[in-house]
Amino acid sequence: MAFEIRTREATAGGTTGTVYELLDTEGTARAEVWPAFGFNCLRWQVPRTDGTLGDLLFCDPAWEQNPVATRSGHPILFPFPNRMKHGRFVFEGREYQLPLNESTGQHAIHGFTPKTPWRVVDQWAGPHEARLVGEFRLSVDRPDLLACWPGDCRIRIEYILKLDELAVNAILSNPGRTPYPFGLGFHPYFACPNAPGAPADEMVLSCPLLDLWETDEAFPTGKKLALPEAMDFRTARALGPVPLDTLFDVQTTGCEAYARLGHKTEPGVLTIEAGAEFERVLLFTPAHRRAVAIEPYTCATDAANVADSGWRMLRPGETVETKLRYRWDPNSRGVSD
């Protein structure tokens, strides 16, 4: 067995770019990364119980016609995840205004990276894994937005594909001369490979949640609430019909079981392991309910404007690293309701 990286040119929504395929030569693991759309790992295909490949990441069937980068695959959210109210925040006495790119036109959402082309800066394949590294730097890739943020921010993402595992490592650095605030989030949409097309209602989730953030029109009030019974996933339970777009605090001590996802009747369990920086998780079920998003965040929604939100600052020359790991067991039935 060996891994390799292949490239091809592909077009989606009128944009053409190079797609990188990470795969093993025996056809039992495959990932597909689109640098032109935010370095999104659009597809991760894993072995199913019958030996064929199935999709663990949901990709909108209309991707080629309407490639909305935050509605498929594994979007990267930086330098802030989710919404920023009215796109405004204050840092070191100065007010900053972000583009109002949320669907209502009233707020900013998901930072600068999901819809911006990234640069591939390294790649490697060997006997046991394939690795692809992409970079986004504000002054290089979106210089038109420099006035919208307190400093020049840079992020590198490293995807590492193994036979039954996908690691997503982030390296955040400050190449500028002034500090900048930040939050990091990921927005993966998960499906059930052994139950293709299964609705979110049939998915079974466990996650060591602590409490729920109260919101007013999707923005945190700063108040924490006890977990309602329908959203208490501390013990594995089926999602059922409950709609989710909900921010929680989560118990994490670093690279332990952040969440586990399976299906009510079919085998196969996804285990998410996350570094201690990801103290919050947003659970989201899209309207089509063919997936569930389990979103590790280092900070809360609207973090720049909310107390005790996890909003952080990176000093000039400082570097921070975070780690995520997704492990797939096609035969396990370890998650049950």
Protein backbone atom coordinates (compact mmCIF):
# COMPACT_ATOMS: atom_id res chain seq x y z
CA MET A 1 0.00 0.00 0.00
CA ALA A 2 1.11 3.55 -0.70
CA PHE A 3 -0.44 6.99 -0.84
CA GLU A 4 -0.25 9.50 -3.64
CA ILE A 5 -1.50 12.95 -4.62
CA ARG A 6 -3.10 13.56 -8.00
CA THR A 7 -4.25 16.83 -9.50
CA ARG A 8 -6.87 17.77 -12.05
CA GLU A 9 -8.48 20.94 -13.29
CA ALA A 10 -12.14 21.38 -12.36
CA THR A 11 -14.76 24.10 -12.75
CA ALA A 12 -17.51 25.03 -10.32
CA GLY A 13 -19.74 28.06 -10.63
CA GLY A 14 -17.61 29.38 -13.46
CA THR A 15 -14.39 29.23 -11.42
CA THR A 16 -11.67 26.86 -12.64
CA GLY A 17 -8.87 25.69 -10.40
CA THR A 18 -6.64 22.78 -9.49
CA VAL A 19 -8.22 20.06 -7.35
CA TYR A 20 -5.91 17.89 -5.24
CA GLU A 21 -6.83 14.25 -4.64
CA LEU A 22 -5.15 12.49 -1.73
CA LEU A 23 -5.62 8.74 -1.99
CA ASP A 24 -4.09 5.35 -1.38
CA THR A 25 -3.19 3.28 -4.40
CA GLU A 26 -5.51 0.41 -3.40
CA GLY A 27 -8.55 2.68 -3.51
CA THR A 28 -9.57 2.44 0.13
CA ALA A 29 -9.23 6.10 1.19
CA ARG A 30 -9.66 9.37 -0.67
CA ALA A 31 -9.88 13.09 0.07
CA GLU A 32 -10.50 15.92 -2.38
CA VAL A 33 -9.29 19.46 -1.61
CA TRP A 34 -10.35 22.56 -3.57
CA PRO A 35 -7.86 25.42 -2.91
CA ALA A 36 -9.87 27.81 -5.12
CA PHE A 37 -12.77 27.57 -2.65
CA GLY A 38 -11.12 28.29 0.68
CA PHE A 39 -8.89 25.16 0.70
CA ASN A 40 -12.04 23.21 1.45
CA CYS A 41 -11.69 19.45 1.84
CA LEU A 42 -14.85 18.97 -0.16
CA ARG A 43 -14.95 15.19 -0.03
CA TRP A 44 -13.56 12.57 2.33
CA GLN A 45 -14.40 9.05 1.26
CA VAL A 46 -13.85 6.17 3.66
CA PRO A 47 -14.19 2.36 3.53
CA ARG A 48 -17.67 1.01 4.19
CA THR A 49 -18.55 -2.43 5.49
CA ASP A 50 -18.90 -3.78 1.92
CA GLY A 51 -15.40 -2.59 0.99
CA THR A 52 -16.51 0.25 -1.28
CA LEU A 53 -15.95 3.93 -0.57
CA GLY A 54 -18.65 6.09 0.98
CA ASP A 55 -18.89 9.83 1.65
CA LEU A 56 -18.31 10.92 5.22
CA LEU A 57 -18.39 14.59 4.27
CA PHE A 58 -21.58 15.88 2.66
CA CYS A 59 -21.19 17.71 -0.66
CA ASP A 60 -24.16 19.51 -2.20
CA PRO A 61 -25.16 17.67 -5.41
CA ALA A 62 -25.40 21.08 -7.09
CA TRP A 63 -21.80 22.02 -6.19
CA GLU A 64 -20.63 22.37 -9.79
CA GLN A 65 -23.49 24.77 -10.58
CA ASN A 66 -23.63 26.64 -7.26
CA PRO A 67 -20.49 26.15 -5.18
CA VAL A 68 -21.40 27.83 -1.90
CA ALA A 69 -18.17 27.21 0.00
CA THR A 70 -19.74 27.20 3.49
CA ARG A 71 -22.47 24.63 2.69
CA SER A 72 -20.40 21.60 1.73
CA GLY A 73 -17.34 19.70 2.84
CA HIS A 74 -15.03 21.08 5.52
CA PRO A 75 -15.02 24.93 5.42
CA ILE A 76 -12.29 26.81 7.33
CA LEU A 77 -13.49 29.85 9.30
CA PHE A 78 -10.83 32.47 10.09
CA PRO A 79 -10.09 34.98 11.61
CA PHE A 80 -13.51 34.57 13.19
CA PRO A 81 -16.17 31.84 13.03
CA ASN A 82 -19.89 32.38 12.60
CA ARG A 83 -21.40 35.86 12.79
CA MET A 84 -20.07 39.25 13.83
CA LYS A 85 -22.97 41.54 14.71
CA HIS A 86 -23.33 44.34 12.16
CA GLY A 87 -19.78 43.46 11.10
CA ARG A 88 -18.35 45.81 13.72
CA PHE A 89 -15.92 45.43 16.60
CA VAL A 90 -13.44 47.54 18.53
CA PHE A 91 -9.81 46.58 19.11
CA GLU A 92 -7.35 48.72 21.05
CA GLY A 93 -9.64 51.72 20.83
CA ARG A 94 -10.27 51.57 17.09
CA GLU A 95 -13.50 50.47 15.43
CA TYR A 96 -13.35 48.10 12.48
CA GLN A 97 -16.05 47.49 9.88
CA LEU A 98 -16.25 44.15 8.07
CA PRO A 99 -18.08 43.40 4.81
CA LEU A 100 -21.71 42.52 5.52
CA ASN A 101 -21.65 39.15 3.76
CA GLU A 102 -24.23 37.29 5.84
CA SER A 103 -27.42 36.29 3.99
CA THR A 104 -29.50 39.12 5.51
CA GLY A 105 -26.95 41.73 4.48
CA GLN A 106 -26.83 43.01 8.07
CA HIS A 107 -23.88 41.08 9.54
CA ALA A 108 -20.47 39.59 8.75
CA ILE A 109 -20.00 35.82 8.77
CA HIS A 110 -17.22 33.20 8.80
CA GLY A 111 -14.19 35.43 8.34
CA PHE A 112 -12.18 35.93 5.15
CA THR A 113 -11.03 32.44 4.29
CA PRO A 114 -13.95 30.26 3.11
CA LYS A 115 -14.57 32.02 -0.21
CA THR A 116 -10.99 33.08 -0.96
CA PRO A 117 -8.53 31.08 -3.08
CA TRP A 118 -5.65 29.65 -1.04
CA ARG A 119 -2.10 28.80 -2.12
CA VAL A 120 -0.76 25.24 -1.86
CA VAL A 121 2.67 25.51 -0.22
CA ASP A 122 3.63 21.88 0.39
CA GLN A 123 2.61 18.34 -0.47
CA TRP A 124 3.97 14.89 0.30
CA ALA A 125 2.87 11.27 -0.05
CA GLY A 126 4.42 8.12 1.37
CA PRO A 127 3.67 4.56 2.42
CA HIS A 128 1.17 5.41 5.14
CA GLU A 129 -0.24 8.87 4.48
CA ALA A 130 -0.59 11.84 2.16
CA ARG A 131 -0.20 15.44 3.31
CA LEU A 132 -1.30 18.70 1.68
CA VAL A 133 -0.58 22.17 3.11
CA GLY A 134 -2.33 25.39 2.12
CA GLU A 135 -1.82 28.98 3.22
CA PHE A 136 -3.89 32.13 3.45
CA ARG A 137 -2.32 35.48 4.30
CA LEU A 138 -4.44 38.58 4.42
CA SER A 139 -1.91 40.95 2.85
CA VAL A 140 -1.23 38.51 -0.01
CA ASP A 141 -4.59 36.90 -0.70
CA ARG A 142 -7.07 39.64 0.27
CA PRO A 143 -5.13 42.92 0.50
CA ASP A 144 -8.38 44.76 -0.18
CA LEU A 145 -9.50 43.74 3.33
CA LEU A 146 -6.42 44.89 5.26
CA ALA A 147 -8.25 47.96 6.53
CA CYS A 148 -10.99 45.70 7.95
CA TRP A 149 -8.72 43.89 10.43
CA PRO A 150 -6.22 45.07 13.06
CA GLY A 151 -3.21 43.25 11.56
CA ASP A 152 -1.87 41.02 8.83
CA CYS A 153 -2.99 37.48 9.74
CA ARG A 154 -1.72 34.19 8.34
CA ILE A 155 -3.03 30.64 8.62
CA ARG A 156 -1.70 27.36 7.31
CA ILE A 157 -3.84 24.23 7.19
CA GLU A 158 -2.35 20.77 6.91
CA TYR A 159 -4.58 17.90 5.77
CA ILE A 160 -3.13 14.46 6.51
CA LEU A 161 -5.01 11.48 5.06
CA LYS A 162 -4.47 7.97 6.37
CA LEU A 163 -6.42 4.81 5.71
CA ASP A 164 -9.21 5.52 8.21
CA GLU A 165 -8.26 8.95 9.47
CA LEU A 166 -8.14 12.60 8.42
CA ALA A 167 -6.10 15.06 10.49
CA VAL A 168 -6.59 18.81 10.16
CA ASN A 169 -3.81 20.84 11.74
CA ALA A 170 -3.75 24.64 11.80
CA ILE A 171 -0.76 26.93 12.26
CA LEU A 172 -1.73 30.53 13.00
CA SER A 173 1.02 33.14 12.93
CA ASN A 174 1.43 36.88 13.07
CA PRO A 175 3.80 38.12 10.36
CA GLY A 176 3.03 41.78 11.03
CA ARG A 177 4.22 44.41 13.46
CA THR A 178 0.99 44.82 15.38
CA PRO A 179 -1.10 42.33 17.38
CA TYR A 180 -4.32 40.99 15.97
CA PRO A 181 -7.35 39.29 17.57
CA PHE A 182 -8.67 36.02 16.21
CA GLY A 183 -10.92 33.04 16.51
CA LEU A 184 -10.77 29.82 14.51
CA GLY A 185 -13.55 27.47 13.55
CA PHE A 186 -14.26 24.56 11.23
CA HIS A 187 -17.63 23.80 9.65
CA PRO A 188 -17.60 20.12 8.56
CA TYR A 189 -20.85 18.63 7.26
CA PHE A 190 -21.04 14.93 8.12
CA ALA A 191 -23.05 12.17 6.49
CA CYS A 192 -23.28 8.42 7.19
CA PRO A 193 -21.26 6.37 4.65
CA ASN A 194 -23.06 3.12 5.46
CA ALA A 195 -26.45 4.85 5.17
CA PRO A 196 -26.04 7.15 2.13
CA GLY A 197 -28.73 9.80 1.99
CA ALA A 198 -29.83 9.20 5.58
CA PRO A 199 -31.45 12.24 7.19
CA ALA A 200 -29.97 13.90 10.24
CA ASP A 201 -32.93 12.57 12.24
CA GLU A 202 -31.40 9.07 12.06
CA MET A 203 -27.91 10.12 13.12
CA VAL A 204 -26.79 9.38 16.66
CA LEU A 205 -24.52 11.85 18.44
CA SER A 206 -22.60 11.94 21.69
CA CYS A 207 -20.67 15.01 22.81
CA PRO A 208 -19.46 16.09 26.30
CA LEU A 209 -21.45 19.32 26.34
CA LEU A 210 -21.39 21.57 29.40
CA ASP A 211 -24.03 24.22 28.76
CA LEU A 212 -25.81 26.15 26.04
CA TRP A 213 -25.27 29.77 25.05
CA GLU A 214 -28.47 31.81 25.12
CA THR A 215 -28.92 33.77 21.89
CA ASP A 216 -31.02 36.64 20.66
CA GLU A 217 -31.51 36.48 16.88
CA ALA A 218 -28.52 34.12 16.60
CA PHE A 219 -26.19 36.30 18.71
CA PRO A 220 -25.06 35.30 22.23
CA THR A 221 -26.43 37.33 25.10
CA GLY A 222 -23.56 36.22 27.32
CA LYS A 223 -25.85 34.06 29.46
CA LYS A 224 -25.39 30.29 29.75
CA LEU A 225 -28.34 27.91 30.03
CA ALA A 226 -28.75 24.35 31.23
CA LEU A 227 -28.99 21.79 28.46
CA PRO A 228 -32.58 21.19 27.32
CA GLU A 229 -33.53 17.53 27.26
CA ALA A 230 -33.83 17.45 23.45
CA MET A 231 -30.24 18.73 23.11
CA ASP A 232 -28.56 16.77 25.87
CA PHE A 233 -26.06 14.75 23.87
CA ARG A 234 -23.84 13.90 26.82
CA THR A 235 -25.32 10.43 26.42
CA ALA A 236 -25.62 9.21 22.85
CA ARG A 237 -29.01 9.87 21.31
CA ALA A 238 -30.58 10.25 17.89
CA LEU A 239 -30.84 13.83 16.66
CA GLY A 240 -34.48 13.32 15.73
CA PRO A 241 -36.41 16.22 14.19
CA VAL A 242 -34.94 18.92 16.44
CA PRO A 243 -33.48 21.82 14.38
CA LEU A 244 -30.00 22.80 15.48
CA ASP A 245 -28.08 26.03 15.04
CA THR A 246 -26.87 26.09 18.60
CA LEU A 247 -23.64 27.03 20.39
CA PHE A 248 -22.44 25.00 23.37
CA ASP A 249 -19.49 24.91 25.71
CA VAL A 250 -17.82 21.52 25.51
CA GLN A 251 -15.55 19.71 27.90
CA THR A 252 -12.18 19.07 26.30
CA THR A 253 -8.76 18.40 27.73
CA GLY A 254 -7.05 18.06 24.38
CA CYS A 255 -7.30 15.45 21.61
CA GLU A 256 -9.82 13.29 23.40
CA ALA A 257 -13.28 12.24 22.25
CA TYR A 258 -14.77 15.63 21.33
CA ALA A 259 -17.76 14.00 19.66
CA ARG A 260 -18.88 10.69 18.19
CA LEU A 261 -21.38 10.26 15.37
CA GLY A 262 -23.10 7.15 14.05
CA HIS A 263 -26.42 5.91 12.70
CA LYS A 264 -29.41 4.36 14.45
CA THR A 265 -29.30 1.06 12.58
CA GLU A 266 -26.23 0.98 10.31
CA PRO A 267 -22.65 0.37 11.46
CA GLY A 268 -19.87 2.91 11.31
CA VAL A 269 -18.75 5.48 13.88
CA LEU A 270 -16.89 8.75 13.40
CA THR A 271 -14.82 9.92 16.36
CA ILE A 272 -13.73 13.55 16.49
CA GLU A 273 -10.68 14.40 18.59
CA ALA A 274 -9.86 18.06 19.20
CA GLY A 275 -7.21 20.09 20.95
CA ALA A 276 -8.02 21.90 24.17
CA GLU A 277 -8.34 25.21 22.28
CA PHE A 278 -11.72 24.14 20.89
CA GLU A 279 -13.75 24.90 23.99
CA ARG A 280 -16.97 25.50 22.07
CA VAL A 281 -18.95 23.59 19.50
CA LEU A 282 -21.75 24.70 17.24
CA LEU A 283 -24.21 22.00 16.17
CA PHE A 284 -26.10 22.76 12.97
CA THR A 285 -28.61 20.90 10.84
CA PRO A 286 -29.08 22.47 7.39
CA ALA A 287 -32.59 22.83 6.03
CA HIS A 288 -32.19 19.81 3.74
CA ARG A 289 -31.27 17.70 6.83
CA ARG A 290 -29.05 15.34 4.83
CA ALA A 291 -26.11 16.15 7.08
CA VAL A 292 -25.19 17.46 10.49
CA ALA A 293 -22.43 20.01 11.06
CA ILE A 294 -20.30 19.50 14.17
CA GLU A 295 -18.27 22.71 14.29
CA PRO A 296 -15.28 23.02 16.65
CA TYR A 297 -14.72 26.67 17.62
CA THR A 298 -12.00 28.34 19.68
CA CYS A 299 -14.43 31.14 20.53
CA ALA A 300 -18.10 32.01 20.62
CA THR A 301 -20.18 33.62 17.92
CA ASP A 302 -19.66 37.42 17.85
CA ALA A 303 -16.66 36.82 20.09
CA ALA A 304 -15.22 40.33 19.71
CA ASN A 305 -18.37 41.78 21.27
CA VAL A 306 -19.13 39.21 23.98
CA ALA A 307 -17.45 38.81 27.37
CA ASP A 308 -15.62 35.56 28.20
CA SER A 309 -16.02 34.40 24.63
CA GLY A 310 -12.59 32.91 23.98
CA TRP A 311 -11.50 35.80 21.75
CA ARG A 312 -7.71 35.70 21.63
CA MET A 313 -4.83 37.91 20.51
CA LEU A 314 -1.72 36.96 18.57
CA ARG A 315 1.36 39.11 19.18
CA PRO A 316 3.84 39.99 16.41
CA GLY A 317 5.98 36.96 15.65
CA GLU A 318 3.80 34.63 17.73
CA THR A 319 2.58 31.27 16.44
CA VAL A 320 -0.27 29.08 17.69
CA GLU A 321 -1.05 25.55 16.55
CA THR A 322 -4.30 23.60 16.81
CA LYS A 323 -5.10 19.99 16.02
CA LEU A 324 -8.17 18.09 14.91
CA ARG A 325 -8.40 14.42 14.06
CA TYR A 326 -11.31 12.49 12.55
CA ARG A 327 -11.24 8.68 12.86
CA TRP A 328 -13.61 6.35 11.03
CA ASP A 329 -14.46 2.82 12.13
CA PRO A 330 -16.73 1.22 9.49
CA ASN A 331 -17.69 -1.76 11.66
CA SER A 332 -18.22 -0.18 15.07
CA ARG A 333 -21.66 0.20 16.59
CA GLY A 334 -20.28 2.03 19.57
CA VAL A 335 -22.73 4.91 19.31
CA SER A 336 -26.33 3.95 20.05
CA ASP A 337 -29.42 5.65 21.33
